[in-house]
C-alpha atoms as a PDB file:
ATOM      1  CA  MET A   1      -0.023   0.103   0.023  1.00  0.00           C
ATOM      2  CA  GLU A   2       2.843   2.365   0.783  1.00  0.00           C
ATOM      3  CA  GLY A   3       4.363   1.982  -2.662  1.00  0.00           C
ATOM      4  CA  ALA A   4       1.300   2.974  -4.571  1.00  0.00           C
ATOM      5  CA  ARG A   5       0.705   6.110  -2.428  1.00  0.00           C
ATOM      6  CA  HIS A   6       1.785   9.520  -3.755  1.00  0.00           C
ATOM      7  CA  PRO A   7       1.075  13.020  -2.668  1.00  0.00           C
ATOM      8  CA  VAL A   8      -1.684  14.862  -4.667  1.00  0.00           C
ATOM      9  CA  CYS A   9      -1.884  18.314  -2.913  1.00  0.00           C
ATOM     10  CA  VAL A  10      -0.346  20.248  -0.212  1.00  0.00           C
ATOM     11  CA  SER A  11      -1.068  23.416   1.846  1.00  0.00           C
ATOM     12  CA  GLY A  12       0.735  25.445   4.325  1.00  0.00           C
ATOM     13  CA  ALA A  13      -0.655  24.749   7.810  1.00  0.00           C
ATOM     14  CA  ALA A  14       1.428  26.589  10.422  1.00  0.00           C
ATOM     15  CA  LEU A  15       4.794  28.058  11.405  1.00  0.00           C
ATOM     16  CA  VAL A  16       6.305  26.355  14.481  1.00  0.00           C
ATOM     17  CA  GLN A  17       8.655  28.612  16.039  1.00  0.00           C
ATOM     18  CA  THR A  18      10.957  28.610  19.045  1.00  0.00           C
ATOM     19  CA  GLU A  19      13.836  30.792  20.208  1.00  0.00           C
ATOM     20  CA  ARG A  20      16.279  28.778  18.092  1.00  0.00           C
ATOM     21  CA  PHE A  21      14.713  27.604  14.990  1.00  0.00           C
ATOM     22  CA  GLN A  22      11.649  27.634  12.732  1.00  0.00           C
ATOM     23  CA  MET A  23       9.847  24.636  11.324  1.00  0.00           C
ATOM     24  CA  PHE A  24       7.348  24.901   8.405  1.00  0.00           C
ATOM     25  CA  THR A  25       4.288  22.746   8.849  1.00  0.00           C
ATOM     26  CA  PHE A  26       2.178  21.479   5.713  1.00  0.00           C
ATOM     27  CA  SER A  27      -0.969  19.434   5.355  1.00  0.00           C
ATOM     28  CA  VAL A  28      -0.421  16.885   2.693  1.00  0.00           C
ATOM     29  CA  CYS A  29      -3.324  14.878   0.879  1.00  0.00           C
ATOM     30  CA  TRP A  30      -2.386  11.520  -0.565  1.00  0.00           C
ATOM     31  CA  SER A  31      -3.785   9.488  -3.493  1.00  0.00           C
ATOM     32  CA  ASP A  32      -5.557   7.130  -1.122  1.00  0.00           C
ATOM     33  CA  ASP A  33      -7.677   9.967   0.345  1.00  0.00           C
ATOM     34  CA  THR A  34      -5.666  10.215   3.560  1.00  0.00           C
ATOM     35  CA  ASP A  35      -3.966  13.243   4.854  1.00  0.00           C
ATOM     36  CA  SER A  36      -1.050  13.921   7.313  1.00  0.00           C
ATOM     37  CA  PHE A  37       1.018  16.808   8.758  1.00  0.00           C
ATOM     38  CA  ILE A  38       4.636  17.155   8.194  1.00  0.00           C
ATOM     39  CA  ARG A  39       7.332  19.655   9.699  1.00  0.00           C
ATOM     40  CA  ARG A  40      10.355  20.654   7.672  1.00  0.00           C
ATOM     41  CA  SER A  41      13.139  23.058   8.090  1.00  0.00           C
ATOM     42  CA  TRP A  42      14.585  25.405   5.632  1.00  0.00           C
ATOM     43  CA  GLU A  43      17.656  23.146   5.378  1.00  0.00           C
ATOM     44  CA  ASP A  44      15.383  20.116   4.567  1.00  0.00           C
ATOM     45  CA  PHE A  45      14.019  22.007   1.435  1.00  0.00           C
ATOM     46  CA  ARG A  46      17.610  22.888   0.410  1.00  0.00           C
ATOM     47  CA  ARG A  47      18.596  19.341   0.564  1.00  0.00           C
ATOM     48  CA  LEU A  48      15.431  18.250  -1.252  1.00  0.00           C
ATOM     49  CA  HIS A  49      16.126  20.686  -4.113  1.00  0.00           C
ATOM     50  CA  LYS A  50      19.707  19.591  -4.388  1.00  0.00           C
ATOM     51  CA  THR A  51      18.559  15.830  -4.598  1.00  0.00           C
ATOM     52  CA  LEU A  52      15.807  16.610  -7.200  1.00  0.00           C
ATOM     53  CA  LYS A  53      18.388  18.463  -9.333  1.00  0.00           C
ATOM     54  CA  GLU A  54      20.761  15.541  -9.258  1.00  0.00           C
ATOM     55  CA  THR A  55      18.213  12.953  -9.777  1.00  0.00           C
ATOM     56  CA  PHE A  56      16.418  14.791 -12.500  1.00  0.00           C
ATOM     57  CA  PRO A  57      18.950  16.698 -14.559  1.00  0.00           C
ATOM     58  CA  VAL A  58      16.689  16.976 -17.671  1.00  0.00           C
ATOM     59  CA  GLU A  59      13.646  18.246 -15.704  1.00  0.00           C
ATOM     60  CA  ALA A  60      16.110  20.616 -13.787  1.00  0.00           C
ATOM     61  CA  GLY A  61      17.100  22.143 -17.201  1.00  0.00           C
ATOM     62  CA  LEU A  62      20.648  21.305 -16.621  1.00  0.00           C
ATOM     63  CA  LEU A  63      21.022  19.893 -20.045  1.00  0.00           C
ATOM     64  CA  ARG A  64      18.837  22.175 -21.887  1.00  0.00           C
ATOM     65  CA  ARG A  65      17.020  25.195 -20.441  1.00  0.00           C
ATOM     66  CA  SER A  66      13.860  24.728 -22.408  1.00  0.00           C
ATOM     67  CA  ASP A  67      13.262  21.324 -20.775  1.00  0.00           C
ATOM     68  CA  ARG A  68      13.213  22.672 -17.402  1.00  0.00           C
ATOM     69  CA  VAL A  69      10.037  21.835 -15.216  1.00  0.00           C
ATOM     70  CA  LEU A  70      11.493  21.939 -11.768  1.00  0.00           C
ATOM     71  CA  PRO A  71      10.768  25.164 -10.001  1.00  0.00           C
ATOM     72  CA  LYS A  72      13.438  27.145  -8.395  1.00  0.00           C
ATOM     73  CA  LEU A  73      13.719  26.956  -4.697  1.00  0.00           C
ATOM     74  CA  PRO A  74      12.343  30.413  -3.350  1.00  0.00           C
ATOM     75  CA  ALA A  75      15.050  32.800  -1.865  1.00  0.00           C
ATOM     76  CA  ASP A  76      14.428  35.778   0.515  1.00  0.00           C
ATOM     77  CA  ALA A  77      13.112  38.569  -1.575  1.00  0.00           C
ATOM     78  CA  PRO A  78      14.158  42.089  -0.734  1.00  0.00           C
ATOM     79  CA  TRP A  79      10.681  42.866   0.639  1.00  0.00           C
ATOM     80  CA  LEU A  80      11.354  40.278   3.419  1.00  0.00           C
ATOM     81  CA  VAL A  81      14.372  42.037   4.803  1.00  0.00           C
ATOM     82  CA  HIS A  82      12.397  44.503   6.878  1.00  0.00           C
ATOM     83  CA  ARG A  83       9.970  42.022   8.309  1.00  0.00           C
ATOM     84  CA  SER A  84      10.054  40.539  11.817  1.00  0.00           C
ATOM     85  CA  ARG A  85      11.427  37.112  12.197  1.00  0.00           C
ATOM     86  CA  THR A  86       7.827  35.754  12.376  1.00  0.00           C
ATOM     87  CA  GLY A  87       6.824  37.782   9.438  1.00  0.00           C
ATOM     88  CA  ARG A  88       9.652  36.324   7.296  1.00  0.00           C
ATOM     89  CA  GLY A  89       8.807  32.888   8.594  1.00  0.00           C
ATOM     90  CA  LEU A  90       5.250  33.190   7.471  1.00  0.00           C
ATOM     91  CA  ALA A  91       6.081  34.701   4.165  1.00  0.00           C
ATOM     92  CA  ARG A  92       8.609  31.845   3.525  1.00  0.00           C
ATOM     93  CA  LEU A  93       5.688  29.406   4.517  1.00  0.00           C
ATOM     94  CA  GLN A  94       3.750  30.803   1.765  1.00  0.00           C
ATOM     95  CA  LEU A  95       6.679  30.674  -0.749  1.00  0.00           C
ATOM     96  CA  LEU A  96       7.438  27.114   0.032  1.00  0.00           C
ATOM     97  CA  GLU A  97       3.822  26.194  -0.412  1.00  0.00           C
ATOM     98  CA  ALA A  98       3.953  27.612  -3.840  1.00  0.00           C
ATOM     99  CA  TYR A  99       7.235  25.704  -4.477  1.00  0.00           C
ATOM    100  CA  LEU A 100       5.713  22.458  -3.316  1.00  0.00           C
ATOM    101  CA  ARG A 101       2.746  22.763  -5.481  1.00  0.00           C
ATOM    102  CA  ALA A 102       4.915  23.465  -8.524  1.00  0.00           C
ATOM    103  CA  LEU A 103       6.760  20.272  -7.873  1.00  0.00           C
ATOM    104  CA  LEU A 104       3.520  18.237  -7.699  1.00  0.00           C
ATOM    105  CA  ALA A 105       2.650  19.910 -11.000  1.00  0.00           C
ATOM    106  CA  ALA A 106       5.868  19.015 -12.640  1.00  0.00           C
ATOM    107  CA  GLY A 107       4.794  15.603 -14.194  1.00  0.00           C
ATOM    108  CA  GLU A 108       4.353  12.094 -12.793  1.00  0.00           C
ATOM    109  CA  ARG A 109       7.981  11.318 -13.131  1.00  0.00           C
ATOM    110  CA  VAL A 110       8.782  13.972 -10.454  1.00  0.00           C
ATOM    111  CA  SER A 111       5.571  13.986  -8.360  1.00  0.00           C
ATOM    112  CA  ARG A 112       5.536  10.341  -7.856  1.00  0.00           C
ATOM    113  CA  SER A 113       9.222   9.752  -7.435  1.00  0.00           C
ATOM    114  CA  LEU A 114      10.614   8.166  -4.293  1.00  0.00           C
ATOM    115  CA  GLU A 115      12.546  11.235  -3.567  1.00  0.00           C
ATOM    116  CA  LEU A 116       9.508  13.550  -3.432  1.00  0.00           C
ATOM    117  CA  THR A 117       7.196  10.830  -1.831  1.00  0.00           C
ATOM    118  CA  GLY A 118       9.874  10.293   0.777  1.00  0.00           C
ATOM    119  CA  PHE A 119       9.895  13.994   1.626  1.00  0.00           C
ATOM    120  CA  PHE A 120       6.189  14.043   2.076  1.00  0.00           C
ATOM    121  CA  THR A 121       6.233  10.869   4.215  1.00  0.00           C
ATOM    122  CA  PRO A 122       5.605  11.602   7.918  1.00  0.00           C
ATOM    123  CA  GLN A 123       8.873  11.149   9.863  1.00  0.00           C
ATOM    124  CA  PRO A 124       9.235  10.251  13.470  1.00  0.00           C
ATOM    125  CA  LEU A 125       9.450  13.973  14.411  1.00  0.00           C
ATOM    126  CA  ASP A 126       6.192  14.782  12.529  1.00  0.00           C
ATOM    127  CA  LEU A 127       4.453  12.091  14.788  1.00  0.00           C
ATOM    128  CA  GLU A 128       5.829  13.297  18.210  1.00  0.00           C
ATOM    129  CA  PRO A 129       2.758  13.841  20.440  1.00  0.00           C
ATOM    130  CA  MET A 130       4.301  16.961  22.094  1.00  0.00           C
ATOM    131  CA  LEU A 131       6.081  19.995  20.320  1.00  0.00           C
ATOM    132  CA  PRO A 132       9.387  21.172  21.704  1.00  0.00           C
ATOM    133  CA  PRO A 133       9.297  23.184  24.895  1.00  0.00           C
ATOM    134  CA  GLY A 134       8.635  26.747  24.232  1.00  0.00           C
ATOM    135  CA  SER A 135       7.126  26.237  20.824  1.00  0.00           C
ATOM    136  CA  LEU A 136       4.848  28.828  19.427  1.00  0.00           C
ATOM    137  CA  VAL A 137       2.372  27.789  16.576  1.00  0.00           C
ATOM    138  CA  ILE A 138       1.305  30.488  14.370  1.00  0.00           C
ATOM    139  CA  LEU A 139      -1.408  29.939  11.730  1.00  0.00           C
ATOM    140  CA  PRO A 140      -1.647  32.051   8.510  1.00  0.00           C
ATOM    141  CA  THR A 141      -4.830  33.651   7.486  1.00  0.00           C
ATOM    142  CA  PRO A 142      -6.197  31.994   4.384  1.00  0.00           C
ATOM    143  CA  GLN A 143      -5.793  34.201   1.316  1.00  0.00           C
ATOM    144  CA  GLU A 144      -8.342  35.245  -1.096  1.00  0.00           C
ATOM    145  CA  PRO A 145      -7.405  35.693  -4.556  1.00  0.00           C
ATOM    146  CA  SER A 146      -6.711  39.430  -5.530  1.00  0.00           C
ATOM    147  CA  PRO A 147      -8.383  40.776  -8.797  1.00  0.00           C
ATOM    148  CA  GLY A 148      -5.198  42.434  -9.962  1.00  0.00           C
ATOM    149  CA  PRO A 149      -1.550  41.442 -10.473  1.00  0.00           C
ATOM    150  CA  SER A 150      -0.115  39.865  -7.413  1.00  0.00           C
ATOM    151  CA  GLY A 151       2.737  41.697  -5.895  1.00  0.00           C
ATOM    152  CA  SER A 152       4.135  40.954  -2.410  1.00  0.00           C
ATOM    153  CA  PRO A 153       1.944  38.395  -0.766  1.00  0.00           C
ATOM    154  CA  ALA A 154      -0.084  39.867   2.265  1.00  0.00           C
ATOM    155  CA  VAL A 155       0.860  37.518   5.165  1.00  0.00           C
ATOM    156  CA  HIS A 156      -1.106  37.862   8.381  1.00  0.00           C
ATOM    157  CA  THR A 157      -0.036  36.609  11.703  1.00  0.00           C
ATOM    158  CA  LEU A 158      -3.458  35.677  13.162  1.00  0.00           C
ATOM    159  CA  GLU A 159      -6.218  33.481  11.862  1.00  0.00           C
ATOM    160  CA  ALA A 160      -9.773  34.085  13.010  1.00  0.00           C
ATOM    161  CA  GLN A 161     -11.657  30.830  13.318  1.00  0.00           C
ATOM    162  CA  SER A 162     -15.179  30.934  14.771  1.00  0.00           C
ATOM    163  CA  LEU A 163     -15.704  28.421  17.704  1.00  0.00           C
ATOM    164  CA  HIS A 164     -18.381  28.027  20.303  1.00  0.00           C
ATOM    165  CA  CYS A 165     -17.906  28.216  24.106  1.00  0.00           C
ATOM    166  CA  LEU A 166     -18.917  24.857  25.613  1.00  0.00           C
ATOM    167  CA  GLN A 167     -19.995  26.352  29.074  1.00  0.00           C
ATOM    168  CA  THR A 168     -20.044  29.641  30.812  1.00  0.00           C
ATOM    169  CA  PHE A 169     -16.588  30.863  31.571  1.00  0.00           C
ATOM    170  CA  SER A 170     -15.186  34.117  33.050  1.00  0.00           C
ATOM    171  CA  THR A 171     -11.625  35.589  32.904  1.00  0.00           C
ATOM    172  CA  GLN A 172      -9.844  38.820  32.109  1.00  0.00           C
ATOM    173  CA  ASP A 173      -9.165  40.375  28.714  1.00  0.00           C
ATOM    174  CA  THR A 174      -5.839  41.498  27.819  1.00  0.00           C
ATOM    175  CA  ARG A 175      -6.724  45.014  29.255  1.00  0.00           C
ATOM    176  CA  GLY A 176      -7.347  43.532  32.680  1.00  0.00           C
ATOM    177  CA  GLN A 177     -11.162  43.907  32.217  1.00  0.00           C
ATOM    178  CA  PRO A 178     -13.924  41.347  32.929  1.00  0.00           C
ATOM    179  CA  PHE A 179     -14.339  38.833  30.038  1.00  0.00           C
ATOM    180  CA  HIS A 180     -17.526  36.658  30.281  1.00  0.00           C
ATOM    181  CA  ALA A 181     -18.393  33.957  27.588  1.00  0.00           C
ATOM    182  CA  GLN A 182     -21.762  32.273  27.707  1.00  0.00           C
ATOM    183  CA  ALA A 183     -22.496  28.750  26.534  1.00  0.00           C
ATOM    184  CA  GLN A 184     -22.673  28.561  22.811  1.00  0.00           C
ATOM    185  CA  GLU A 185     -21.288  32.057  22.371  1.00  0.00           C
ATOM    186  CA  ALA A 186     -19.124  32.453  19.287  1.00  0.00           C
ATOM    187  CA  LEU A 187     -15.607  33.354  19.951  1.00  0.00           C
ATOM    188  CA  ASP A 188     -12.982  34.006  17.170  1.00  0.00           C
ATOM    189  CA  VAL A 189      -9.648  32.299  17.811  1.00  0.00           C
ATOM    190  CA  LEU A 190      -6.817  34.385  16.850  1.00  0.00           C
ATOM    191  CA  LEU A 191      -3.880  32.504  18.031  1.00  0.00           C
ATOM    192  CA  ARG A 192      -3.432  28.945  19.394  1.00  0.00           C
ATOM    193  CA  HIS A 193      -0.877  28.530  22.044  1.00  0.00           C
ATOM    194  CA  PRO A 194       0.525  24.958  23.157  1.00  0.00           C
ATOM    195  CA  SER A 195      -0.119  25.821  26.757  1.00  0.00           C
ATOM    196  CA  GLY A 196      -3.852  25.301  26.084  1.00  0.00           C
ATOM    197  CA  TRP A 197      -4.720  28.964  26.417  1.00  0.00           C
ATOM    198  CA  TRP A 198      -5.805  30.543  22.997  1.00  0.00           C
ATOM    199  CA  LEU A 199      -6.124  34.156  21.987  1.00  0.00           C
ATOM    200  CA  VAL A 200      -9.738  34.947  21.296  1.00  0.00           C
ATOM    201  CA  THR A 201     -12.075  37.770  20.627  1.00  0.00           C
ATOM    202  CA  ASN A 202     -15.786  38.241  21.006  1.00  0.00           C
ATOM    203  CA  GLU A 203     -18.265  40.336  19.089  1.00  0.00           C
ATOM    204  CA  ASP A 204     -17.617  43.220  21.530  1.00  0.00           C
ATOM    205  CA  GLN A 205     -14.038  43.199  20.155  1.00  0.00           C
ATOM    206  CA  GLN A 206     -12.699  42.100  23.640  1.00  0.00           C
ATOM    207  CA  THR A 207      -9.446  40.092  23.195  1.00  0.00           C
ATOM    208  CA  ALA A 208      -8.569  37.569  25.868  1.00  0.00           C
ATOM    209  CA  TRP A 209      -6.652  34.370  26.623  1.00  0.00           C
ATOM    210  CA  PHE A 210      -9.232  31.488  26.807  1.00  0.00           C
ATOM    211  CA  PRO A 211      -8.794  27.743  27.822  1.00  0.00           C
ATOM    212  CA  ALA A 212      -8.991  25.673  24.521  1.00  0.00           C
ATOM    213  CA  PRO A 213     -10.889  22.878  26.226  1.00  0.00           C
ATOM    214  CA  TYR A 214     -13.914  25.095  26.607  1.00  0.00           C
ATOM    215  CA  LEU A 215     -14.094  25.637  22.781  1.00  0.00           C
ATOM    216  CA  GLU A 216     -15.721  23.379  20.132  1.00  0.00           C
ATOM    217  CA  GLU A 217     -16.557  23.679  16.402  1.00  0.00           C
ATOM    218  CA  ALA A 218     -19.114  26.378  15.944  1.00  0.00           C
ATOM    219  CA  ALA A 219     -21.061  24.775  13.186  1.00  0.00           C
ATOM    220  CA  PRO A 220     -21.567  21.091  13.668  1.00  0.00           C
ATOM    221  CA  HIS A 221     -23.128  19.038  10.849  1.00  0.00           C
ATOM    222  CA  GLN A 222     -26.989  18.712  10.832  1.00  0.00           C
ATOM    223  CA  GLY A 223     -28.970  15.744   9.905  1.00  0.00           C
ATOM    224  CA  GLN A 224     -31.961  15.508   7.521  1.00  0.00           C
ATOM    225  CA  ASP A 225     -34.282  16.005  10.424  1.00  0.00           C
ATOM    226  CA  GLY A 226     -32.413  19.042  11.662  1.00  0.00           C
ATOM    227  CA  GLY A 227     -30.806  17.095  14.535  1.00  0.00           C
ATOM    228  CA  GLN A 228     -27.262  17.478  15.310  1.00  0.00           C
ATOM    229  CA  LEU A 229     -24.926  14.539  14.100  1.00  0.00           C
ATOM    230  CA  LEU A 230     -22.411  13.842  16.646  1.00  0.00           C
ATOM    231  CA  GLY A 231     -18.886  13.393  15.315  1.00  0.00           C
ATOM    232  CA  ILE A 232     -16.766  10.404  15.931  1.00  0.00           C
ATOM    233  CA  SER A 233     -16.070  10.431  19.593  1.00  0.00           C
ATOM    234  CA  GLY A 234     -12.760   9.358  21.191  1.00  0.00           C
ATOM    235  CA  PRO A 235      -9.338  10.733  21.161  1.00  0.00           C
ATOM    236  CA  GLN A 236      -7.366  11.250  17.959  1.00  0.00           C
ATOM    237  CA  PHE A 237      -4.211   9.179  17.537  1.00  0.00           C
ATOM    238  CA  CYS A 238      -1.737   8.828  14.714  1.00  0.00           C
ATOM    239  CA  ALA A 239      -0.187   5.665  13.220  1.00  0.00           C
ATOM    240  CA  VAL A 240       3.612   5.651  13.712  1.00  0.00           C
ATOM    241  CA  ARG A 241       3.964   3.066  10.915  1.00  0.00           C
ATOM    242  CA  ALA A 242       1.869   1.537   8.117  1.00  0.00           C
ATOM    243  CA  TYR A 243      -0.324  -1.416   8.994  1.00  0.00           C
ATOM    244  CA  GLU A 244      -2.036  -3.825   6.359  1.00  0.00           C
ATOM    245  CA  SER A 245      -4.838  -5.659   7.682  1.00  0.00           C
ATOM    246  CA  SER A 246      -4.897  -9.558   7.633  1.00  0.00           C
ATOM    247  CA  ARG A 247      -8.470 -10.053   8.751  1.00  0.00           C
ATOM    248  CA  ALA A 248     -11.931  -8.570   7.888  1.00  0.00           C
ATOM    249  CA  ASP A 249     -12.181  -6.907  11.288  1.00  0.00           C
ATOM    250  CA  GLU A 250      -8.947  -4.951  11.009  1.00  0.00           C
ATOM    251  CA  LEU A 251      -8.044  -1.646   9.408  1.00  0.00           C
ATOM    252  CA  SER A 252      -5.384  -0.904   6.867  1.00  0.00           C
ATOM    253  CA  VAL A 253      -3.525   2.467   7.537  1.00  0.00           C
ATOM    254  CA  PRO A 254      -0.615   4.242   6.067  1.00  0.00           C
ATOM    255  CA  THR A 255       2.097   5.788   8.169  1.00  0.00           C
ATOM    256  CA  GLY A 256       0.957   9.125   9.674  1.00  0.00           C
ATOM    257  CA  ALA A 257      -2.798   8.310   9.488  1.00  0.00           C
ATOM    258  CA  ARG A 258      -4.924   9.873  12.026  1.00  0.00           C
ATOM    259  CA  VAL A 259      -7.639   7.713  13.475  1.00  0.00           C
ATOM    260  CA  HIS A 260     -10.136   7.864  16.281  1.00  0.00           C
ATOM    261  CA  VAL A 261      -9.906   5.341  19.148  1.00  0.00           C
ATOM    262  CA  LEU A 262     -13.265   4.340  20.153  1.00  0.00           C
ATOM    263  CA  GLU A 263     -12.290   1.696  22.614  1.00  0.00           C
ATOM    264  CA  ALA A 264      -9.069   0.845  24.161  1.00  0.00           C
ATOM    265  CA  SER A 265      -8.184  -2.551  25.535  1.00  0.00           C
ATOM    266  CA  ASP A 266      -5.296  -4.060  27.399  1.00  0.00           C
ATOM    267  CA  ARG A 267      -5.072  -6.864  24.965  1.00  0.00           C
ATOM    268  CA  GLY A 268      -3.174  -4.959  22.444  1.00  0.00           C
ATOM    269  CA  TRP A 269      -5.862  -4.361  19.961  1.00  0.00           C
ATOM    270  CA  TRP A 270      -7.891  -0.994  19.901  1.00  0.00           C
ATOM    271  CA  LEU A 271     -11.130  -0.418  18.069  1.00  0.00           C
ATOM    272  CA  CYS A 272     -10.701   2.551  15.821  1.00  0.00           C
ATOM    273  CA  ARG A 273     -12.527   4.473  13.139  1.00  0.00           C
ATOM    274  CA  PHE A 274     -10.680   5.529   9.974  1.00  0.00           C
ATOM    275  CA  GLN A 275     -12.109   6.934   6.538  1.00  0.00           C
ATOM    276  CA  GLY A 276     -15.575   5.852   7.641  1.00  0.00           C
ATOM    277  CA  ARG A 277     -14.629   2.268   8.610  1.00  0.00           C
ATOM    278  CA  THR A 278     -14.420   0.727  12.022  1.00  0.00           C
ATOM    279  CA  GLY A 279     -11.965  -1.874  12.990  1.00  0.00           C
ATOM    280  CA  LEU A 280      -9.030  -3.124  15.095  1.00  0.00           C
ATOM    281  CA  LEU A 281      -5.611  -1.790  15.029  1.00  0.00           C
ATOM    282  CA  PRO A 282      -2.514  -2.814  17.143  1.00  0.00           C
ATOM    283  CA  ALA A 283      -2.121  -0.492  19.987  1.00  0.00           C
ATOM    284  CA  VAL A 284       1.717  -0.478  19.820  1.00  0.00           C
ATOM    285  CA  MET A 285       1.692   1.369  16.604  1.00  0.00           C
ATOM    286  CA  LEU A 286      -0.710   4.191  17.823  1.00  0.00           C
ATOM    287  CA  GLN A 287       0.279   7.368  19.805  1.00  0.00           C
ATOM    288  CA  ARG A 288      -1.304  10.621  20.649  1.00  0.00           C
ATOM    289  CA  ASP A 289      -1.680  12.964  17.634  1.00  0.00           C
ATOM    290  CA  GLY A 290      -0.130  16.198  19.034  1.00  0.00           C
ATOM    291  CA  LEU A 291       0.328  18.514  15.913  1.00  0.00           C
ATOM    292  CA  GLY A 292      -2.535  17.287  14.166  1.00  0.00           C
ATOM    293  CA  THR A 293      -5.026  17.898  17.023  1.00  0.00           C
ATOM    294  CA  LEU A 294      -3.634  21.292  17.560  1.00  0.00           C
ATOM    295  CA  LEU A 295      -3.945  22.426  13.823  1.00  0.00           C
ATOM    296  CA  SER A 296      -7.339  20.599  13.230  1.00  0.00           C
ATOM    297  CA  GLY A 297      -9.049  22.488  16.112  1.00  0.00           C
ATOM    298  CA  PRO A 298     -10.913  21.096  18.960  1.00  0.00           C
ATOM    299  CA  CYS A 299     -12.217  17.455  19.188  1.00  0.00           C
ATOM    300  CA  SER A 300     -15.511  16.311  17.792  1.00  0.00           C
ATOM    301  CA  PRO A 301     -18.526  17.035  19.911  1.00  0.00           C
ATOM    302  CA  ARG A 302     -18.685  15.153  23.262  1.00  0.00           C
ATOM    303  CA  SER A 303     -21.348  12.754  24.388  1.00  0.00           C
ATOM    304  CA  PRO A 304     -24.275  14.284  26.536  1.00  0.00           C
ATOM    305  CA  GLN A 305     -22.794  12.706  29.657  1.00  0.00           C
ATOM    306  CA  ALA A 306     -19.413  14.227  29.086  1.00  0.00           C
ATOM    307  CA  ALA A 307     -21.005  17.546  28.369  1.00  0.00           C
ATOM    308  CA  MET A 308     -22.477  17.816  31.780  1.00  0.00           C
ATOM    309  CA  LEU A 309     -19.095  18.074  33.468  1.00  0.00           C
ATOM    310  CA  PRO A 310     -16.952  21.144  33.133  1.00  0.00           C
ATOM    311  CA  PRO A 311     -14.032  20.744  30.664  1.00  0.00           C
ATOM    312  CA  PRO A 312     -10.543  20.606  32.536  1.00  0.00           C
ATOM    313  CA  VAL A 313      -8.859  24.015  32.559  1.00  0.00           C
ATOM    314  CA  PRO A 314      -5.142  23.751  31.755  1.00  0.00           C
ATOM    315  CA  ALA A 315      -2.610  25.549  34.024  1.00  0.00           C
ATOM    316  CA  ARG A 316      -2.235  29.218  32.807  1.00  0.00           C
ATOM    317  CA  PRO A 317       1.125  30.521  32.260  1.00  0.00           C
ATOM    318  CA  PRO A 318       1.871  34.005  33.531  1.00  0.00           C
ATOM    319  CA  LEU A 319       0.867  36.759  31.121  1.00  0.00           C
ATOM    320  CA  SER A 320       4.453  37.853  30.709  1.00  0.00           C
ATOM    321  CA  VAL A 321       5.403  34.426  29.597  1.00  0.00           C
ATOM    322  CA  ILE A 322       2.626  34.100  27.040  1.00  0.00           C
ATOM    323  CA  GLN A 323       3.395  37.496  25.541  1.00  0.00           C
ATOM    324  CA  SER A 324       7.213  36.775  25.492  1.00  0.00           C
ATOM    325  CA  ARG A 325       6.334  33.798  23.151  1.00  0.00           C
ATOM    326  CA  CYS A 326       4.232  35.949  20.918  1.00  0.00           C
ATOM    327  CA  CYS A 327       5.352  37.268  17.653  1.00  0.00           C
ATOM    328  CA  THR A 328       6.190  41.039  17.380  1.00  0.00           C
ATOM    329  CA  ILE A 329       2.832  41.872  15.579  1.00  0.00           C
ATOM    330  CA  THR A 330       0.644  40.198  18.294  1.00  0.00           C
ATOM    331  CA  ARG A 331       2.696  41.705  21.110  1.00  0.00           C
ATOM    332  CA  LYS A 332       2.338  45.193  19.733  1.00  0.00           C
ATOM    333  CA  ALA A 333      -1.552  44.705  19.317  1.00  0.00           C
ATOM    334  CA  LEU A 334      -1.766  43.484  22.841  1.00  0.00           C
ATOM    335  CA  GLN A 335       0.222  46.220  24.295  1.00  0.00           C
ATOM    336  CA  GLN A 336      -1.738  49.041  22.383  1.00  0.00           C
ATOM    337  CA  GLY A 337      -4.636  48.987  25.192  1.00  0.00           C
ATOM    338  CA  ALA A 338      -2.556  47.552  28.151  1.00  0.00           C
ATOM    339  CA  PRO A 339      -3.214  49.559  31.357  1.00  0.00           C
END
């Protein structure tokens, strides 16, 4: 199953940033209708580009320029020089996304090659359930096509995704004023912090740090009778390696596949759901899906019994620690109205 798979599309998902390095996160869709997240550094892209030029000299235009189909690896443009470190990282994410899409459009000889498929295949680092300490996950705002010629891409630091508050919760906004959220009130998520406290804003334009467990998808699917269809319950895990089923009650999954565990057992086999099918998978090849869960948003709607209990509130870091991990644009925006 692994050999027949090949990537069909890719999109930039997030910038994972620490004090020392930046990692570019991409969502990859595969030919078998699965998807996965990968994290790659700038050096990883340089090595990939060098390998592709050596493997495909004709497609790289080394023998004749007119035969070139491989795109050029994007370099830092002059308009990037005066941006902040985070601004440059987000701009690079957008440029690298265009580069990867051009590679997938360069013909099957390139797009289905072992070199490119191997680059997109999730590595152990991609499947780690935890991000490095002090990581900041920054999501770009989806871009709408501009009517005129495109110049420098407009890259935004914050993404506004509308979510609902599960239960009433009170805290303080970034100006020290009371911030009250009612059950089912819509909140726009601006920034997701790995600590479990996300930056949100309400319809009164108040901005506050809010516990992520109190948020859920704002627009659940509706059934034909108007009733809400609950999503697949259970925590989300990812497969650390591919598994091919040998029995009818088992599932086949590729490396990096994200599955929902419906029932855990100490017998070594867990009941899971994947691509609309339910079956068994070896527990030893499953682990918590850290980055995928963070980028995919909150979990599916919970059962009525679970909804009666208040969600756990993660330990809140001091405000100074949170702001020290924010990018320059976010920090300036928060400090504008600070008392």
